[in-house]
Amino acid sequence: MDTSLATQLEQLGLARSQGSTNRAGDSLGQEDFLALMIAQFRNQDPFKPMQNGEFLGQLAQFGTVSGIQEMQASIAALSGSLVSDQTLQASGLIGREVLVPSTGAHFDGEGVSGAMVINSGVSNATVEIKDAAGTLVARIPVEGNGLVDFHWDGSTLDGKRAPAGEYRITASFTEGGETVQSEVLISARVDSVIVSGGRGPVLATQTLGNVSLADVFQIKA
């Protein structure tokens, strides 16, 4: 037997390269694998035949690769389906208000609304508005427990009107004699939905700019 397994592999690869102009790639399929197995059987050393364990090991490797490819295809299909579902859900938010965690917001001259979470039994719940330079512009007392709304109409500490622009918003309350920071949720109206690159939909808002659908804390009624 003067033809080795390596020679058989080279011949098979040459045949594949010559007839692969209409094929999408050079990856081995099930038929190719079986052809290689047959070539290996025909050209093995009769005094050192391939053991059953080696044969089963090769079959297991092929099955593993095939299973991984099928799993990847399934995951890709599932991902595409999820993106489509999210896009459909996001399109229903156009024109509605959503609450999104944020430490800043754009003041357009009309006001900024939002909410903060206040624990029971605390005091001095406050929302502070600062400009881009970090100067305190307004302080809004908030009362209630749980998720409590607040609104800043643009009035400053000296009674003037704040200019339009970007502002930093923080919230805190006093609990057990200590000041505790609370998460700030800013209300934003969804103007449109952006979908690109196979990623999840993005909500375009004027108050917060582009916001991921996954970041929405609450959809307001």
N, C-alpha and C. Protein backbone atom coordinates (compact mmCIF):
# COMPACT_ATOMS: atom_id res chain seq x y z
N MET A 1 0.85 -1.18 0.00
CA MET A 1 0.00 0.00 0.00
C MET A 1 0.88 1.22 0.00
N ASP A 2 1.07 1.79 -1.17
CA ASP A 2 2.01 2.89 -1.31
C ASP A 2 1.34 4.25 -1.19
N THR A 3 0.03 4.26 -1.03
CA THR A 3 -0.68 5.53 -0.89
C THR A 3 -1.02 5.76 0.57
N SER A 4 -0.46 6.80 1.16
CA SER A 4 -0.67 7.08 2.57
C SER A 4 -1.95 7.87 2.79
N LEU A 5 -2.36 7.94 4.04
CA LEU A 5 -3.54 8.74 4.38
C LEU A 5 -3.32 10.21 4.06
N ALA A 6 -2.11 10.70 4.27
CA ALA A 6 -1.81 12.10 3.96
C ALA A 6 -2.02 12.36 2.47
N THR A 7 -1.58 11.37 1.64
CA THR A 7 -1.77 11.53 0.19
C THR A 7 -3.25 11.56 -0.16
N GLN A 8 -4.02 10.67 0.50
CA GLN A 8 -5.47 10.67 0.26
C GLN A 8 -6.09 12.01 0.65
N LEU A 9 -5.62 12.56 1.75
CA LEU A 9 -6.15 13.86 2.19
C LEU A 9 -5.80 14.95 1.18
N GLU A 10 -4.56 14.92 0.68
CA GLU A 10 -4.15 15.92 -0.30
C GLU A 10 -4.98 15.79 -1.57
N GLN A 11 -5.21 14.53 -2.02
CA GLN A 11 -6.00 14.32 -3.23
C GLN A 11 -7.43 14.82 -3.03
N LEU A 12 -7.99 14.50 -1.86
CA LEU A 12 -9.35 14.97 -1.59
C LEU A 12 -9.42 16.48 -1.53
N GLY A 13 -8.41 17.11 -0.92
CA GLY A 13 -8.38 18.57 -0.85
C GLY A 13 -8.25 19.18 -2.23
N LEU A 14 -7.42 18.54 -3.12
CA LEU A 14 -7.27 19.05 -4.47
C LEU A 14 -8.57 18.94 -5.23
N ALA A 15 -9.25 17.80 -5.08
CA ALA A 15 -10.53 17.62 -5.77
C ALA A 15 -11.55 18.64 -5.29
N ARG A 16 -11.52 18.90 -3.99
CA ARG A 16 -12.46 19.89 -3.45
C ARG A 16 -12.16 21.28 -3.97
N SER A 17 -10.86 21.63 -4.05
CA SER A 17 -10.50 22.97 -4.52
C SER A 17 -10.85 23.17 -5.98
N GLN A 18 -10.75 22.08 -6.79
CA GLN A 18 -11.06 22.20 -8.21
C GLN A 18 -12.55 22.28 -8.46
N GLY A 19 -13.35 21.69 -7.55
CA GLY A 19 -14.79 21.69 -7.79
C GLY A 19 -15.56 22.54 -6.81
N SER A 20 -14.87 23.50 -6.19
CA SER A 20 -15.53 24.29 -5.14
C SER A 20 -15.91 25.68 -5.58
N THR A 21 -15.92 25.95 -6.88
CA THR A 21 -16.23 27.30 -7.33
C THR A 21 -17.65 27.69 -7.00
N ASN A 22 -18.53 26.69 -6.88
CA ASN A 22 -19.94 26.99 -6.59
C ASN A 22 -20.28 26.74 -5.14
N ARG A 23 -19.27 26.50 -4.29
CA ARG A 23 -19.53 26.23 -2.89
C ARG A 23 -19.17 27.45 -2.06
N ALA A 24 -19.85 27.58 -0.89
CA ALA A 24 -19.69 28.80 -0.10
C ALA A 24 -18.39 28.83 0.67
N GLY A 25 -17.75 27.66 0.95
CA GLY A 25 -16.53 27.69 1.75
C GLY A 25 -15.77 26.40 1.63
N ASP A 26 -14.68 26.28 2.38
CA ASP A 26 -13.82 25.11 2.33
C ASP A 26 -13.97 24.22 3.55
N SER A 27 -15.00 24.41 4.37
CA SER A 27 -15.18 23.60 5.55
C SER A 27 -15.64 22.20 5.17
N LEU A 28 -15.21 21.20 5.98
CA LEU A 28 -15.57 19.82 5.71
C LEU A 28 -17.00 19.55 6.14
N GLY A 29 -17.75 18.87 5.26
CA GLY A 29 -19.09 18.47 5.59
C GLY A 29 -19.13 17.00 5.96
N GLN A 30 -20.34 16.48 6.17
CA GLN A 30 -20.48 15.08 6.58
C GLN A 30 -19.97 14.13 5.50
N GLU A 31 -20.26 14.41 4.22
CA GLU A 31 -19.79 13.55 3.14
C GLU A 31 -18.27 13.54 3.07
N ASP A 32 -17.64 14.70 3.26
CA ASP A 32 -16.19 14.78 3.25
C ASP A 32 -15.59 13.96 4.38
N PHE A 33 -16.23 14.06 5.55
CA PHE A 33 -15.72 13.32 6.70
C PHE A 33 -15.79 11.81 6.45
N LEU A 34 -16.90 11.34 5.89
CA LEU A 34 -17.03 9.92 5.60
C LEU A 34 -16.01 9.46 4.56
N ALA A 35 -15.74 10.32 3.55
CA ALA A 35 -14.74 9.99 2.54
C ALA A 35 -13.36 9.86 3.16
N LEU A 36 -13.04 10.73 4.09
CA LEU A 36 -11.76 10.65 4.79
C LEU A 36 -11.66 9.39 5.64
N MET A 37 -12.78 9.04 6.30
CA MET A 37 -12.78 7.84 7.11
C MET A 37 -12.53 6.59 6.26
N ILE A 38 -13.19 6.52 5.10
CA ILE A 38 -13.01 5.38 4.20
C ILE A 38 -11.57 5.31 3.71
N ALA A 39 -11.01 6.47 3.34
CA ALA A 39 -9.62 6.52 2.89
C ALA A 39 -8.68 6.05 3.99
N GLN A 40 -9.00 6.43 5.23
CA GLN A 40 -8.17 6.00 6.34
C GLN A 40 -8.23 4.49 6.54
N PHE A 41 -9.43 3.91 6.43
CA PHE A 41 -9.57 2.46 6.55
C PHE A 41 -8.77 1.72 5.47
N ARG A 42 -8.85 2.23 4.25
CA ARG A 42 -8.20 1.56 3.12
C ARG A 42 -6.68 1.61 3.22
N ASN A 43 -6.16 2.63 3.84
CA ASN A 43 -4.72 2.84 3.83
C ASN A 43 -4.06 2.64 5.18
N GLN A 44 -4.78 2.10 6.13
CA GLN A 44 -4.17 1.88 7.44
C GLN A 44 -3.25 0.66 7.38
N ASP A 45 -2.31 0.63 8.29
CA ASP A 45 -1.37 -0.49 8.39
C ASP A 45 -2.13 -1.71 8.89
N PRO A 46 -2.18 -2.80 8.10
CA PRO A 46 -2.94 -3.98 8.54
C PRO A 46 -2.39 -4.59 9.82
N PHE A 47 -1.11 -4.30 10.13
CA PHE A 47 -0.53 -4.83 11.36
C PHE A 47 -0.81 -3.92 12.56
N LYS A 48 -1.25 -2.70 12.25
CA LYS A 48 -1.60 -1.75 13.31
C LYS A 48 -2.93 -1.08 12.96
N PRO A 49 -4.01 -1.84 12.91
CA PRO A 49 -5.30 -1.25 12.54
C PRO A 49 -5.78 -0.26 13.59
N MET A 50 -6.62 0.64 13.13
CA MET A 50 -7.17 1.64 14.04
C MET A 50 -8.07 0.96 15.07
N GLN A 51 -7.88 1.29 16.32
CA GLN A 51 -8.67 0.70 17.39
C GLN A 51 -10.08 1.30 17.42
N ASN A 52 -10.99 0.54 18.04
CA ASN A 52 -12.37 1.00 18.13
C ASN A 52 -12.46 2.34 18.86
N GLY A 53 -11.63 2.48 19.87
CA GLY A 53 -11.66 3.73 20.64
C GLY A 53 -11.27 4.92 19.79
N GLU A 54 -10.29 4.76 18.91
CA GLU A 54 -9.88 5.85 18.03
C GLU A 54 -10.99 6.19 17.05
N PHE A 55 -11.63 5.12 16.52
CA PHE A 55 -12.72 5.35 15.57
C PHE A 55 -13.87 6.09 16.23
N LEU A 56 -14.25 5.65 17.42
CA LEU A 56 -15.34 6.31 18.14
C LEU A 56 -14.96 7.74 18.54
N GLY A 57 -13.67 7.93 18.85
CA GLY A 57 -13.22 9.27 19.19
C GLY A 57 -13.36 10.23 18.03
N GLN A 58 -13.04 9.77 16.81
CA GLN A 58 -13.18 10.62 15.63
C GLN A 58 -14.64 10.93 15.35
N LEU A 59 -15.49 9.90 15.52
CA LEU A 59 -16.93 10.13 15.33
C LEU A 59 -17.45 11.15 16.34
N ALA A 60 -16.97 11.06 17.58
CA ALA A 60 -17.39 11.99 18.63
C ALA A 60 -16.95 13.41 18.30
N GLN A 61 -15.71 13.54 17.79
CA GLN A 61 -15.22 14.88 17.43
C GLN A 61 -16.07 15.49 16.33
N PHE A 62 -16.41 14.68 15.32
CA PHE A 62 -17.23 15.19 14.24
C PHE A 62 -18.62 15.58 14.74
N GLY A 63 -19.16 14.74 15.62
CA GLY A 63 -20.47 15.05 16.17
C GLY A 63 -20.45 16.33 17.00
N THR A 64 -19.35 16.54 17.74
CA THR A 64 -19.23 17.75 18.56
C THR A 64 -19.18 19.00 17.69
N VAL A 65 -18.34 18.96 16.64
CA VAL A 65 -18.24 20.10 15.72
C VAL A 65 -19.57 20.39 15.06
N SER A 66 -20.24 19.32 14.60
CA SER A 66 -21.53 19.49 13.94
C SER A 66 -22.56 20.08 14.90
N GLY A 67 -22.53 19.59 16.16
CA GLY A 67 -23.47 20.11 17.16
C GLY A 67 -23.22 21.57 17.47
N ILE A 68 -21.94 21.97 17.55
CA ILE A 68 -21.61 23.38 17.82
C ILE A 68 -22.10 24.27 16.68
N GLN A 69 -21.92 23.81 15.44
CA GLN A 69 -22.38 24.60 14.30
C GLN A 69 -23.89 24.77 14.32
N GLU A 70 -24.60 23.69 14.64
CA GLU A 70 -26.06 23.78 14.71
C GLU A 70 -26.50 24.70 15.85
N MET A 71 -25.78 24.63 16.98
CA MET A 71 -26.12 25.49 18.10
C MET A 71 -25.88 26.95 17.76
N GLN A 72 -24.78 27.25 17.07
CA GLN A 72 -24.50 28.62 16.65
C GLN A 72 -25.59 29.15 15.73
N ALA A 73 -26.05 28.29 14.80
CA ALA A 73 -27.11 28.71 13.89
C ALA A 73 -28.40 28.98 14.66
N SER A 74 -28.69 28.15 15.66
CA SER A 74 -29.90 28.34 16.46
C SER A 74 -29.83 29.62 17.28
N ILE A 75 -28.64 29.88 17.86
CA ILE A 75 -28.48 31.10 18.65
C ILE A 75 -28.63 32.34 17.77
N ALA A 76 -28.07 32.30 16.55
CA ALA A 76 -28.19 33.43 15.64
C ALA A 76 -29.65 33.68 15.27
N ALA A 77 -30.40 32.59 15.03
CA ALA A 77 -31.82 32.73 14.70
C ALA A 77 -32.60 33.29 15.88
N LEU A 78 -32.29 32.82 17.09
CA LEU A 78 -32.95 33.31 18.29
C LEU A 78 -32.64 34.78 18.52
N SER A 79 -31.38 35.16 18.31
CA SER A 79 -30.99 36.56 18.49
C SER A 79 -31.74 37.47 17.53
N GLY A 80 -31.87 37.04 16.27
CA GLY A 80 -32.61 37.83 15.31
C GLY A 80 -34.07 37.97 15.68
N SER A 81 -34.65 36.90 16.22
CA SER A 81 -36.05 36.94 16.64
C SER A 81 -36.24 37.88 17.82
N LEU A 82 -35.29 37.86 18.77
CA LEU A 82 -35.39 38.75 19.93
C LEU A 82 -35.29 40.21 19.52
N VAL A 83 -34.38 40.52 18.59
CA VAL A 83 -34.24 41.90 18.12
C VAL A 83 -35.53 42.36 17.45
N SER A 84 -36.15 41.48 16.67
CA SER A 84 -37.41 41.84 16.01
C SER A 84 -38.51 42.10 17.03
N ASP A 85 -38.59 41.26 18.06
CA ASP A 85 -39.60 41.45 19.10
C ASP A 85 -39.36 42.75 19.86
N GLN A 86 -38.09 43.04 20.17
CA GLN A 86 -37.77 44.27 20.89
C GLN A 86 -38.10 45.49 20.05
N THR A 87 -37.84 45.41 18.75
CA THR A 87 -38.15 46.53 17.86
C THR A 87 -39.64 46.79 17.82
N LEU A 88 -40.44 45.73 17.76
CA LEU A 88 -41.89 45.88 17.76
C LEU A 88 -42.37 46.49 19.07
N GLN A 89 -41.78 46.05 20.18
CA GLN A 89 -42.15 46.60 21.48
C GLN A 89 -41.75 48.07 21.58
N ALA A 90 -40.55 48.38 21.10
CA ALA A 90 -40.07 49.76 21.18
C ALA A 90 -40.92 50.70 20.33
N SER A 91 -41.39 50.25 19.17
CA SER A 91 -42.20 51.10 18.30
C SER A 91 -43.49 51.53 18.98
N GLY A 92 -43.98 50.72 19.93
CA GLY A 92 -45.20 51.07 20.66
C GLY A 92 -44.97 52.14 21.72
N LEU A 93 -43.70 52.50 21.95
CA LEU A 93 -43.38 53.54 22.94
C LEU A 93 -43.30 54.93 22.35
N ILE A 94 -43.35 55.04 21.04
CA ILE A 94 -43.26 56.36 20.41
C ILE A 94 -44.40 57.25 20.88
N GLY A 95 -44.03 58.43 21.38
CA GLY A 95 -45.03 59.36 21.89
C GLY A 95 -45.33 59.20 23.37
N ARG A 96 -44.75 58.18 24.00
CA ARG A 96 -45.01 57.93 25.42
C ARG A 96 -43.82 58.38 26.28
N GLU A 97 -44.09 58.53 27.58
CA GLU A 97 -43.05 58.93 28.52
C GLU A 97 -42.48 57.69 29.21
N VAL A 98 -41.16 57.66 29.35
CA VAL A 98 -40.49 56.56 30.05
C VAL A 98 -39.58 57.13 31.13
N LEU A 99 -39.37 56.35 32.17
CA LEU A 99 -38.43 56.72 33.22
C LEU A 99 -37.13 55.95 33.02
N VAL A 100 -36.02 56.69 32.98
CA VAL A 100 -34.72 56.08 32.71
C VAL A 100 -33.71 56.57 33.77
N PRO A 101 -32.94 55.66 34.38
CA PRO A 101 -31.91 56.10 35.33
C PRO A 101 -30.90 57.01 34.64
N SER A 102 -30.65 58.18 35.22
CA SER A 102 -29.72 59.12 34.63
C SER A 102 -29.28 60.14 35.68
N THR A 103 -28.06 60.62 35.54
CA THR A 103 -27.56 61.65 36.44
C THR A 103 -27.58 63.03 35.78
N GLY A 104 -28.13 63.10 34.58
CA GLY A 104 -28.20 64.37 33.88
C GLY A 104 -29.37 64.42 32.94
N ALA A 105 -29.71 65.63 32.50
CA ALA A 105 -30.82 65.81 31.57
C ALA A 105 -30.67 67.13 30.83
N HIS A 106 -31.33 67.22 29.69
CA HIS A 106 -31.32 68.45 28.92
C HIS A 106 -32.55 69.27 29.27
N PHE A 107 -32.31 70.50 29.71
CA PHE A 107 -33.40 71.43 30.02
C PHE A 107 -33.70 72.25 28.78
N ASP A 108 -34.93 72.13 28.26
CA ASP A 108 -35.30 72.81 27.02
C ASP A 108 -36.06 74.10 27.25
N GLY A 109 -36.14 74.54 28.50
CA GLY A 109 -36.86 75.77 28.81
C GLY A 109 -38.23 75.52 29.39
N GLU A 110 -38.72 74.29 29.26
CA GLU A 110 -40.06 73.99 29.76
C GLU A 110 -40.04 73.26 31.10
N GLY A 111 -38.97 72.53 31.38
CA GLY A 111 -38.89 71.83 32.66
C GLY A 111 -38.33 70.43 32.51
N VAL A 112 -37.95 69.86 33.65
CA VAL A 112 -37.44 68.49 33.70
C VAL A 112 -38.22 67.74 34.77
N SER A 113 -38.78 66.59 34.40
CA SER A 113 -39.52 65.76 35.35
C SER A 113 -38.78 64.46 35.58
N GLY A 114 -39.05 63.87 36.73
CA GLY A 114 -38.40 62.60 37.04
C GLY A 114 -38.97 62.02 38.31
N ALA A 115 -38.23 61.09 38.89
CA ALA A 115 -38.66 60.43 40.12
C ALA A 115 -37.44 59.95 40.89
N MET A 116 -37.62 59.74 42.17
CA MET A 116 -36.59 59.18 43.02
C MET A 116 -37.23 58.17 43.97
N VAL A 117 -36.44 57.23 44.44
CA VAL A 117 -36.93 56.23 45.38
C VAL A 117 -36.60 56.67 46.80
N ILE A 118 -37.66 56.79 47.63
CA ILE A 118 -37.48 57.25 49.01
C ILE A 118 -37.88 56.13 49.96
N ASN A 119 -36.98 55.76 50.84
CA ASN A 119 -37.28 54.73 51.84
C ASN A 119 -38.24 55.26 52.89
N SER A 120 -38.96 54.38 53.53
CA SER A 120 -39.88 54.81 54.58
C SER A 120 -39.09 55.21 55.83
N GLY A 121 -39.60 56.21 56.54
CA GLY A 121 -38.98 56.64 57.78
C GLY A 121 -37.78 57.53 57.61
N VAL A 122 -37.56 58.08 56.41
CA VAL A 122 -36.41 58.97 56.20
C VAL A 122 -36.90 60.41 56.17
N SER A 123 -35.95 61.33 56.09
CA SER A 123 -36.30 62.76 56.07
C SER A 123 -35.40 63.50 55.09
N ASN A 124 -35.76 64.75 54.85
CA ASN A 124 -34.96 65.65 54.01
C ASN A 124 -34.68 65.08 52.62
N ALA A 125 -35.68 64.47 52.02
CA ALA A 125 -35.52 63.99 50.65
C ALA A 125 -35.43 65.21 49.72
N THR A 126 -34.36 65.26 48.93
CA THR A 126 -34.09 66.45 48.13
C THR A 126 -33.51 66.08 46.77
N VAL A 127 -33.89 66.84 45.75
CA VAL A 127 -33.30 66.73 44.43
C VAL A 127 -32.52 68.01 44.17
N GLU A 128 -31.26 67.89 43.76
CA GLU A 128 -30.43 69.06 43.48
C GLU A 128 -30.10 69.12 41.99
N ILE A 129 -30.17 70.34 41.46
CA ILE A 129 -29.87 70.60 40.05
C ILE A 129 -28.60 71.44 39.98
N LYS A 130 -27.61 70.97 39.21
CA LYS A 130 -26.36 71.70 39.05
C LYS A 130 -26.09 71.92 37.56
N ASP A 131 -25.43 73.03 37.25
CA ASP A 131 -25.11 73.31 35.85
C ASP A 131 -23.84 72.59 35.45
N ALA A 132 -23.40 72.83 34.21
CA ALA A 132 -22.22 72.13 33.68
C ALA A 132 -20.95 72.44 34.48
N ALA A 133 -20.90 73.59 35.15
CA ALA A 133 -19.74 73.97 35.94
C ALA A 133 -19.78 73.40 37.36
N GLY A 134 -20.90 72.71 37.70
CA GLY A 134 -21.03 72.14 39.03
C GLY A 134 -21.65 73.06 40.04
N THR A 135 -22.13 74.23 39.60
CA THR A 135 -22.76 75.19 40.50
C THR A 135 -24.19 74.78 40.79
N LEU A 136 -24.57 74.81 42.08
CA LEU A 136 -25.92 74.46 42.46
C LEU A 136 -26.90 75.50 41.91
N VAL A 137 -27.86 75.04 41.15
CA VAL A 137 -28.82 75.93 40.50
C VAL A 137 -30.17 75.90 41.22
N ALA A 138 -30.62 74.73 41.63
CA ALA A 138 -31.93 74.61 42.28
C ALA A 138 -31.92 73.43 43.24
N ARG A 139 -32.77 73.54 44.27
CA ARG A 139 -32.95 72.46 45.25
C ARG A 139 -34.44 72.24 45.42
N ILE A 140 -34.88 70.99 45.19
CA ILE A 140 -36.31 70.68 45.21
C ILE A 140 -36.60 69.68 46.32
N PRO A 141 -37.39 70.06 47.34
CA PRO A 141 -37.77 69.09 48.38
C PRO A 141 -38.80 68.10 47.82
N VAL A 142 -38.66 66.84 48.21
CA VAL A 142 -39.57 65.79 47.74
C VAL A 142 -40.14 65.06 48.94
N GLU A 143 -41.43 64.83 48.92
CA GLU A 143 -42.10 64.16 50.03
C GLU A 143 -42.82 62.91 49.54
N GLY A 144 -42.82 61.88 50.42
CA GLY A 144 -43.50 60.64 50.09
C GLY A 144 -42.61 59.44 50.31
N ASN A 145 -43.15 58.26 50.03
CA ASN A 145 -42.40 57.02 50.16
C ASN A 145 -42.49 56.23 48.85
N GLY A 146 -41.45 55.42 48.62
CA GLY A 146 -41.44 54.63 47.40
C GLY A 146 -40.95 55.46 46.23
N LEU A 147 -41.52 55.22 45.06
CA LEU A 147 -41.16 55.96 43.86
C LEU A 147 -41.96 57.25 43.82
N VAL A 148 -41.28 58.38 44.03
CA VAL A 148 -41.95 59.67 44.15
C VAL A 148 -41.52 60.59 43.02
N ASP A 149 -42.49 61.22 42.37
CA ASP A 149 -42.20 62.12 41.24
C ASP A 149 -41.70 63.48 41.73
N PHE A 150 -40.92 64.14 40.87
CA PHE A 150 -40.52 65.53 41.11
C PHE A 150 -40.52 66.27 39.77
N HIS A 151 -40.54 67.59 39.84
CA HIS A 151 -40.52 68.40 38.62
C HIS A 151 -39.74 69.69 38.89
N TRP A 152 -38.85 70.02 37.96
CA TRP A 152 -38.12 71.29 38.02
C TRP A 152 -38.58 72.15 36.85
N ASP A 153 -39.13 73.30 37.18
CA ASP A 153 -39.68 74.18 36.15
C ASP A 153 -38.67 75.15 35.57
N GLY A 154 -37.41 75.04 36.03
CA GLY A 154 -36.37 75.93 35.51
C GLY A 154 -36.05 77.09 36.42
N SER A 155 -36.74 77.21 37.54
CA SER A 155 -36.47 78.29 38.49
C SER A 155 -35.18 78.02 39.24
N THR A 156 -34.38 79.07 39.42
CA THR A 156 -33.11 78.94 40.12
C THR A 156 -33.25 79.37 41.58
N LEU A 157 -32.19 79.19 42.36
CA LEU A 157 -32.22 79.56 43.77
C LEU A 157 -32.46 81.05 43.99
N ASP A 158 -32.03 81.88 43.05
CA ASP A 158 -32.21 83.33 43.19
C ASP A 158 -33.48 83.82 42.49
N GLY A 159 -34.36 82.88 42.11
CA GLY A 159 -35.63 83.26 41.53
C GLY A 159 -35.60 83.58 40.05
N LYS A 160 -34.47 83.36 39.40
CA LYS A 160 -34.38 83.64 37.97
C LYS A 160 -34.72 82.39 37.15
N ARG A 161 -34.63 82.53 35.85
CA ARG A 161 -34.93 81.43 34.94
C ARG A 161 -33.62 80.85 34.42
N ALA A 162 -33.46 79.54 34.56
CA ALA A 162 -32.23 78.89 34.10
C ALA A 162 -32.21 78.82 32.58
N PRO A 163 -31.06 79.00 31.97
CA PRO A 163 -30.96 78.90 30.51
C PRO A 163 -31.06 77.44 30.06
N ALA A 164 -31.46 77.26 28.84
CA ALA A 164 -31.53 75.90 28.29
C ALA A 164 -30.12 75.31 28.23
N GLY A 165 -30.03 74.02 28.43
CA GLY A 165 -28.73 73.36 28.40
C GLY A 165 -28.73 72.06 29.17
N GLU A 166 -27.53 71.53 29.40
CA GLU A 166 -27.38 70.26 30.11
C GLU A 166 -27.18 70.53 31.60
N TYR A 167 -27.86 69.72 32.43
CA TYR A 167 -27.77 69.88 33.88
C TYR A 167 -27.57 68.53 34.54
N ARG A 168 -26.86 68.55 35.66
CA ARG A 168 -26.63 67.35 36.46
C ARG A 168 -27.67 67.30 37.57
N ILE A 169 -28.26 66.13 37.78
CA ILE A 169 -29.35 65.99 38.76
C ILE A 169 -29.00 64.86 39.73
N THR A 170 -29.03 65.17 41.02
CA THR A 170 -28.77 64.17 42.05
C THR A 170 -29.91 64.19 43.07
N ALA A 171 -30.07 63.08 43.79
CA ALA A 171 -31.12 62.98 44.80
C ALA A 171 -30.55 62.32 46.05
N SER A 172 -31.05 62.75 47.21
CA SER A 172 -30.57 62.19 48.47
C SER A 172 -31.63 62.36 49.55
N PHE A 173 -31.44 61.64 50.64
CA PHE A 173 -32.30 61.80 51.82
C PHE A 173 -31.47 61.46 53.05
N THR A 174 -32.01 61.82 54.23
CA THR A 174 -31.31 61.56 55.49
C THR A 174 -31.93 60.34 56.15
N GLU A 175 -31.07 59.37 56.49
CA GLU A 175 -31.53 58.15 57.14
C GLU A 175 -30.54 57.77 58.22
N GLY A 176 -31.04 57.68 59.45
CA GLY A 176 -30.16 57.36 60.57
C GLY A 176 -29.08 58.39 60.80
N GLY A 177 -29.38 59.62 60.51
CA GLY A 177 -28.42 60.69 60.71
C GLY A 177 -27.39 60.81 59.61
N GLU A 178 -27.47 59.98 58.59
CA GLU A 178 -26.52 60.02 57.49
C GLU A 178 -27.23 60.35 56.17
N THR A 179 -26.51 61.02 55.28
CA THR A 179 -27.05 61.36 53.96
C THR A 179 -26.86 60.17 53.02
N VAL A 180 -27.96 59.75 52.41
CA VAL A 180 -27.94 58.59 51.51
C VAL A 180 -28.32 59.05 50.10
N GLN A 181 -27.51 58.69 49.14
CA GLN A 181 -27.80 59.04 47.75
C GLN A 181 -28.86 58.08 47.18
N SER A 182 -29.78 58.64 46.44
CA SER A 182 -30.84 57.86 45.82
C SER A 182 -30.72 57.92 44.30
N GLU A 183 -31.11 56.85 43.64
CA GLU A 183 -31.05 56.82 42.18
C GLU A 183 -32.07 57.80 41.60
N VAL A 184 -31.63 58.53 40.59
CA VAL A 184 -32.50 59.50 39.92
C VAL A 184 -33.03 58.89 38.63
N LEU A 185 -34.33 58.99 38.43
CA LEU A 185 -34.97 58.53 37.20
C LEU A 185 -35.53 59.74 36.48
N ILE A 186 -35.10 59.94 35.26
CA ILE A 186 -35.54 61.10 34.47
C ILE A 186 -36.63 60.67 33.48
N SER A 187 -37.66 61.50 33.40
CA SER A 187 -38.75 61.24 32.47
C SER A 187 -38.39 61.79 31.09
N ALA A 188 -38.59 60.98 30.07
CA ALA A 188 -38.26 61.38 28.70
C ALA A 188 -39.34 60.90 27.75
N ARG A 189 -39.67 61.73 26.79
CA ARG A 189 -40.66 61.36 25.77
C ARG A 189 -39.95 60.71 24.60
N VAL A 190 -40.45 59.55 24.18
CA VAL A 190 -39.84 58.82 23.07
C VAL A 190 -40.31 59.42 21.75
N ASP A 191 -39.37 59.94 20.96
CA ASP A 191 -39.71 60.58 19.69
C ASP A 191 -39.63 59.61 18.52
N SER A 192 -38.68 58.67 18.57
CA SER A 192 -38.52 57.71 17.49
C SER A 192 -37.70 56.53 17.98
N VAL A 193 -37.60 55.50 17.14
CA VAL A 193 -36.84 54.29 17.47
C VAL A 193 -35.76 54.09 16.41
N ILE A 194 -34.54 53.81 16.87
CA ILE A 194 -33.41 53.60 15.97
C ILE A 194 -32.98 52.14 16.05
N VAL A 195 -32.87 51.48 14.90
CA VAL A 195 -32.42 50.09 14.84
C VAL A 195 -31.29 50.02 13.82
N SER A 196 -30.12 49.50 14.25
CA SER A 196 -28.99 49.41 13.33
C SER A 196 -28.02 48.33 13.80
N GLY A 197 -27.34 47.72 12.86
CA GLY A 197 -26.28 46.77 13.18
C GLY A 197 -26.72 45.50 13.85
N GLY A 198 -28.02 45.15 13.76
CA GLY A 198 -28.49 43.93 14.39
C GLY A 198 -28.54 43.99 15.90
N ARG A 199 -28.29 45.18 16.47
CA ARG A 199 -28.35 45.32 17.91
C ARG A 199 -29.76 45.67 18.35
N GLY A 200 -29.96 45.74 19.65
CA GLY A 200 -31.28 46.07 20.17
C GLY A 200 -31.68 47.48 19.80
N PRO A 201 -32.99 47.76 19.82
CA PRO A 201 -33.47 49.09 19.45
C PRO A 201 -33.04 50.16 20.45
N VAL A 202 -32.88 51.38 19.95
CA VAL A 202 -32.51 52.53 20.76
C VAL A 202 -33.62 53.56 20.66
N LEU A 203 -34.03 54.11 21.81
CA LEU A 203 -35.09 55.10 21.86
C LEU A 203 -34.48 56.50 21.76
N ALA A 204 -34.94 57.28 20.79
CA ALA A 204 -34.46 58.65 20.63
C ALA A 204 -35.36 59.59 21.42
N THR A 205 -34.77 60.32 22.37
CA THR A 205 -35.52 61.28 23.19
C THR A 205 -34.82 62.64 23.15
N GLN A 206 -35.58 63.68 23.47
CA GLN A 206 -34.98 65.01 23.49
C GLN A 206 -34.32 65.30 24.84
N THR A 207 -34.89 64.76 25.91
CA THR A 207 -34.38 65.04 27.25
C THR A 207 -33.08 64.32 27.54
N LEU A 208 -32.98 63.05 27.10
CA LEU A 208 -31.83 62.22 27.44
C LEU A 208 -31.03 61.77 26.23
N GLY A 209 -31.42 62.18 25.04
CA GLY A 209 -30.73 61.70 23.84
C GLY A 209 -31.15 60.28 23.51
N ASN A 210 -30.22 59.47 23.03
CA ASN A 210 -30.53 58.08 22.67
C ASN A 210 -30.41 57.19 23.91
N VAL A 211 -31.45 56.38 24.12
CA VAL A 211 -31.52 55.53 25.30
C VAL A 211 -31.80 54.09 24.86
N SER A 212 -31.07 53.13 25.43
CA SER A 212 -31.32 51.73 25.12
C SER A 212 -32.65 51.29 25.74
N LEU A 213 -33.36 50.44 25.02
CA LEU A 213 -34.63 49.94 25.54
C LEU A 213 -34.42 49.19 26.84
N ALA A 214 -33.28 48.52 26.97
CA ALA A 214 -33.00 47.75 28.18
C ALA A 214 -32.82 48.63 29.42
N ASP A 215 -32.56 49.94 29.21
CA ASP A 215 -32.34 50.85 30.34
C ASP A 215 -33.63 51.47 30.88
N VAL A 216 -34.74 51.22 30.21
CA VAL A 216 -36.01 51.82 30.64
C VAL A 216 -36.44 51.19 31.96
N PHE A 217 -36.65 52.03 32.97
CA PHE A 217 -37.06 51.55 34.30
C PHE A 217 -38.57 51.39 34.37
N GLN A 218 -39.29 52.33 33.78
CA GLN A 218 -40.76 52.28 33.83
C GLN A 218 -41.34 53.01 32.65
N ILE A 219 -42.45 52.49 32.13
CA ILE A 219 -43.21 53.15 31.07
C ILE A 219 -44.38 53.85 31.73
N LYS A 220 -44.45 55.15 31.64
CA LYS A 220 -45.48 55.90 32.32
C LYS A 220 -46.81 55.81 31.57
N ALA A 221 -47.89 55.77 32.33
CA ALA A 221 -49.22 55.64 31.74
C ALA A 221 -49.59 56.90 30.96
